[in-house]
Structure formats: structure tokens, C-alpha cells
């Protein structure tokens, strides 16, 4: 399932989550209170939908962070700690060396 856009799509996702939750509750209440005859795992769409919403929130947060940092760079106010810059450069060098030859 793909989730696109905002607004009404989010409302649709929330409605699906509510429906799945209600169905799961109904299944649980319809089961007898006696011993269960075997192990059972019931996976619903709710987990996938929640993950999709969380990813969307994280992407928005990342976009906001990138926008904020870009504004700081353009205004000359972005001064990251030298240790962070050195760490990032070192990690990039290590990744370049580790992945050398993989493009062939």
C-alpha cells in the first residue's frame, strides 16, 4: 500500500487503523476463554500503516532539518564542531575505500 500526499490520505490511514483495531478486538472477544489449541500470530495492516506514518514523519523532520541547516549555511551562521566534521570526513573515506570496485 502506498500513502501519498497529506490531508485526506492521513484521515484514510487513521480510519483503516481504527477498523483494523476494531476487527482485532472483535476476534479476541469472539475467541473462547479456554485453552488455545495452538500458537497463532495475527498480523494486520495496522503495523505496516503505522510504520509508513512514522517514516513520513521522519522524512518531514529530516526535510525540516536540511532546510534549517541550509539557511544557516547561506547566512554564514553554520559552524559545526570540528570533531563532527572530522568524523564525517573519516566515515566517508572509509566507505569510499570499503566500496571501491563495487561499481564494476
C-alpha atoms as a PDB file:
ATOM      1  CA  UNK A   1       0.000   0.000   0.000  1.00  0.00           C
ATOM      2  CA  UNK A   2       1.302   3.426  -0.888  1.00  0.00           C
ATOM      3  CA  UNK A   3       0.493   6.521   1.085  1.00  0.00           C
ATOM      4  CA  UNK A   4       0.656   9.691  -0.932  1.00  0.00           C
ATOM      5  CA  UNK A   5       0.186  13.294  -0.066  1.00  0.00           C
ATOM      6  CA  UNK A   6      -1.308  14.692   3.071  1.00  0.00           C
ATOM      7  CA  UNK A   7      -4.648  15.699   4.475  1.00  0.00           C
ATOM      8  CA  UNK A   8      -7.404  13.306   3.439  1.00  0.00           C
ATOM      9  CA  UNK A   9      -4.916  10.482   2.893  1.00  0.00           C
ATOM     10  CA  UNK A  10      -3.867  10.657   6.537  1.00  0.00           C
ATOM     11  CA  UNK A  11      -7.503  10.557   7.570  1.00  0.00           C
ATOM     12  CA  UNK A  12      -7.982   7.452   5.438  1.00  0.00           C
ATOM     13  CA  UNK A  13      -4.989   5.805   7.077  1.00  0.00           C
ATOM     14  CA  UNK A  14      -6.329   6.589  10.525  1.00  0.00           C
ATOM     15  CA  UNK A  15      -9.711   5.142   9.566  1.00  0.00           C
ATOM     16  CA  UNK A  16      -8.015   1.947   8.370  1.00  0.00           C
ATOM     17  CA  UNK A  17      -6.070   1.740  11.629  1.00  0.00           C
ATOM     18  CA  UNK A  18      -9.267   2.133  13.625  1.00  0.00           C
ATOM     19  CA  UNK A  19     -11.013  -0.511  11.526  1.00  0.00           C
ATOM     20  CA  UNK A  20      -8.128  -2.971  11.956  1.00  0.00           C
ATOM     21  CA  UNK A  21      -8.057  -2.348  15.696  1.00  0.00           C
ATOM     22  CA  UNK A  22     -11.794  -2.926  15.974  1.00  0.00           C
ATOM     23  CA  UNK A  23     -11.535  -6.137  13.947  1.00  0.00           C
ATOM     24  CA  UNK A  24      -8.690  -7.407  16.125  1.00  0.00           C
ATOM     25  CA  UNK A  25     -10.711  -6.638  19.265  1.00  0.00           C
ATOM     26  CA  UNK A  26     -13.711  -8.443  17.828  1.00  0.00           C
ATOM     27  CA  UNK A  27     -11.593 -11.505  17.020  1.00  0.00           C
ATOM     28  CA  UNK A  28     -10.173 -11.561  20.535  1.00  0.00           C
ATOM     29  CA  UNK A  29     -13.562 -11.280  22.195  1.00  0.00           C
ATOM     30  CA  UNK A  30     -15.028 -13.987  19.941  1.00  0.00           C
ATOM     31  CA  UNK A  31     -12.364 -16.491  20.978  1.00  0.00           C
ATOM     32  CA  UNK A  32     -13.274 -18.781  23.818  1.00  0.00           C
ATOM     33  CA  UNK A  33     -11.708 -18.145  27.196  1.00  0.00           C
ATOM     34  CA  UNK A  34     -10.463 -21.756  27.298  1.00  0.00           C
ATOM     35  CA  UNK A  35      -7.059 -23.063  26.291  1.00  0.00           C
ATOM     36  CA  UNK A  36      -5.808 -22.208  22.859  1.00  0.00           C
ATOM     37  CA  UNK A  37      -5.267 -25.254  20.672  1.00  0.00           C
ATOM     38  CA  UNK A  38      -2.054 -23.936  19.121  1.00  0.00           C
ATOM     39  CA  UNK A  39       0.216 -20.979  18.681  1.00  0.00           C
ATOM     40  CA  UNK A  40      -1.063 -18.229  16.455  1.00  0.00           C
ATOM     41  CA  UNK A  41       0.259 -14.962  15.167  1.00  0.00           C
ATOM     42  CA  UNK A  42      -2.181 -12.415  13.801  1.00  0.00           C
ATOM     43  CA  UNK A  43      -0.546  -9.676  11.767  1.00  0.00           C
ATOM     44  CA  UNK A  44      -2.677  -6.871  10.476  1.00  0.00           C
ATOM     45  CA  UNK A  45      -2.172  -3.927   8.207  1.00  0.00           C
ATOM     46  CA  UNK A  46      -2.029  -1.673  11.255  1.00  0.00           C
ATOM     47  CA  UNK A  47       1.661  -2.270  11.850  1.00  0.00           C
ATOM     48  CA  UNK A  48       2.537  -1.516   8.246  1.00  0.00           C
ATOM     49  CA  UNK A  49       0.408   1.607   8.241  1.00  0.00           C
ATOM     50  CA  UNK A  50       1.941   2.856  11.483  1.00  0.00           C
ATOM     51  CA  UNK A  51       5.429   2.289  10.078  1.00  0.00           C
ATOM     52  CA  UNK A  52       4.506   4.210   6.930  1.00  0.00           C
ATOM     53  CA  UNK A  53       3.252   7.128   9.011  1.00  0.00           C
ATOM     54  CA  UNK A  54       6.397   7.096  11.148  1.00  0.00           C
ATOM     55  CA  UNK A  55       8.619   7.070   8.043  1.00  0.00           C
ATOM     56  CA  UNK A  56       6.663  10.008   6.635  1.00  0.00           C
ATOM     57  CA  UNK A  57       7.111  11.926   9.900  1.00  0.00           C
ATOM     58  CA  UNK A  58      10.831  11.161   9.916  1.00  0.00           C
ATOM     59  CA  UNK A  59      11.177  12.304   6.315  1.00  0.00           C
ATOM     60  CA  UNK A  60       9.415  15.559   7.161  1.00  0.00           C
ATOM     61  CA  UNK A  61      11.666  16.025  10.175  1.00  0.00           C
ATOM     62  CA  UNK A  62      14.724  15.379   8.014  1.00  0.00           C
ATOM     63  CA  UNK A  63      13.484  17.829   5.381  1.00  0.00           C
ATOM     64  CA  UNK A  64      12.954  20.467   8.070  1.00  0.00           C
ATOM     65  CA  UNK A  65      16.448  19.860   9.440  1.00  0.00           C
ATOM     66  CA  UNK A  66      18.032  20.090   5.993  1.00  0.00           C
ATOM     67  CA  UNK A  67      16.134  23.317   5.299  1.00  0.00           C
ATOM     68  CA  UNK A  68      17.228  24.824   8.621  1.00  0.00           C
ATOM     69  CA  UNK A  69      20.890  23.886   8.091  1.00  0.00           C
ATOM     70  CA  UNK A  70      20.798  25.157   4.502  1.00  0.00           C
ATOM     71  CA  UNK A  71      19.531  28.535   5.750  1.00  0.00           C
ATOM     72  CA  UNK A  72      22.313  28.663   8.349  1.00  0.00           C
ATOM     73  CA  UNK A  73      24.951  27.864   5.714  1.00  0.00           C
ATOM     74  CA  UNK A  74      23.625  30.517   3.342  1.00  0.00           C
ATOM     75  CA  UNK A  75      23.626  33.128   6.109  1.00  0.00           C
ATOM     76  CA  UNK A  76      27.160  32.167   7.202  1.00  0.00           C
ATOM     77  CA  UNK A  77      25.981  31.117  10.660  1.00  0.00           C
ATOM     78  CA  UNK A  78      26.572  27.386  10.355  1.00  0.00           C
ATOM     79  CA  UNK A  79      29.642  26.402  12.358  1.00  0.00           C
ATOM     80  CA  UNK A  80      29.637  22.674  13.098  1.00  0.00           C
ATOM     81  CA  UNK A  81      32.121  21.370  15.663  1.00  0.00           C
ATOM     82  CA  UNK A  82      35.455  20.403  14.061  1.00  0.00           C
ATOM     83  CA  UNK A  83      35.203  16.945  15.653  1.00  0.00           C
ATOM     84  CA  UNK A  84      31.888  16.296  13.854  1.00  0.00           C
ATOM     85  CA  UNK A  85      33.355  17.395  10.525  1.00  0.00           C
ATOM     86  CA  UNK A  86      36.437  15.204  11.030  1.00  0.00           C
ATOM     87  CA  UNK A  87      34.275  12.212  11.947  1.00  0.00           C
ATOM     88  CA  UNK A  88      32.069  12.669   8.856  1.00  0.00           C
ATOM     89  CA  UNK A  89      35.088  13.017   6.559  1.00  0.00           C
ATOM     90  CA  UNK A  90      36.684   9.921   8.084  1.00  0.00           C
ATOM     91  CA  UNK A  91      33.490   7.900   7.686  1.00  0.00           C
ATOM     92  CA  UNK A  92      33.207   8.995   4.056  1.00  0.00           C
ATOM     93  CA  UNK A  93      36.809   7.943   3.364  1.00  0.00           C
ATOM     94  CA  UNK A  94      36.224   4.554   4.999  1.00  0.00           C
ATOM     95  CA  UNK A  95      33.039   3.995   2.977  1.00  0.00           C
ATOM     96  CA  UNK A  96      34.809   5.003  -0.236  1.00  0.00           C
ATOM     97  CA  UNK A  97      37.612   2.529   0.434  1.00  0.00           C
ATOM     98  CA  UNK A  98      35.213  -0.218   1.544  1.00  0.00           C
ATOM     99  CA  UNK A  99      33.041   0.102  -1.549  1.00  0.00           C
ATOM    100  CA  UNK A 100      35.867   0.605  -4.068  1.00  0.00           C
ATOM    101  CA  UNK A 101      35.410  -1.667  -7.029  1.00  0.00           C
ATOM    102  CA  UNK A 102      31.739  -2.455  -6.313  1.00  0.00           C
ATOM    103  CA  UNK A 103      30.578  -0.313  -9.227  1.00  0.00           C
ATOM    104  CA  UNK A 104      32.250  -2.589 -11.785  1.00  0.00           C
END
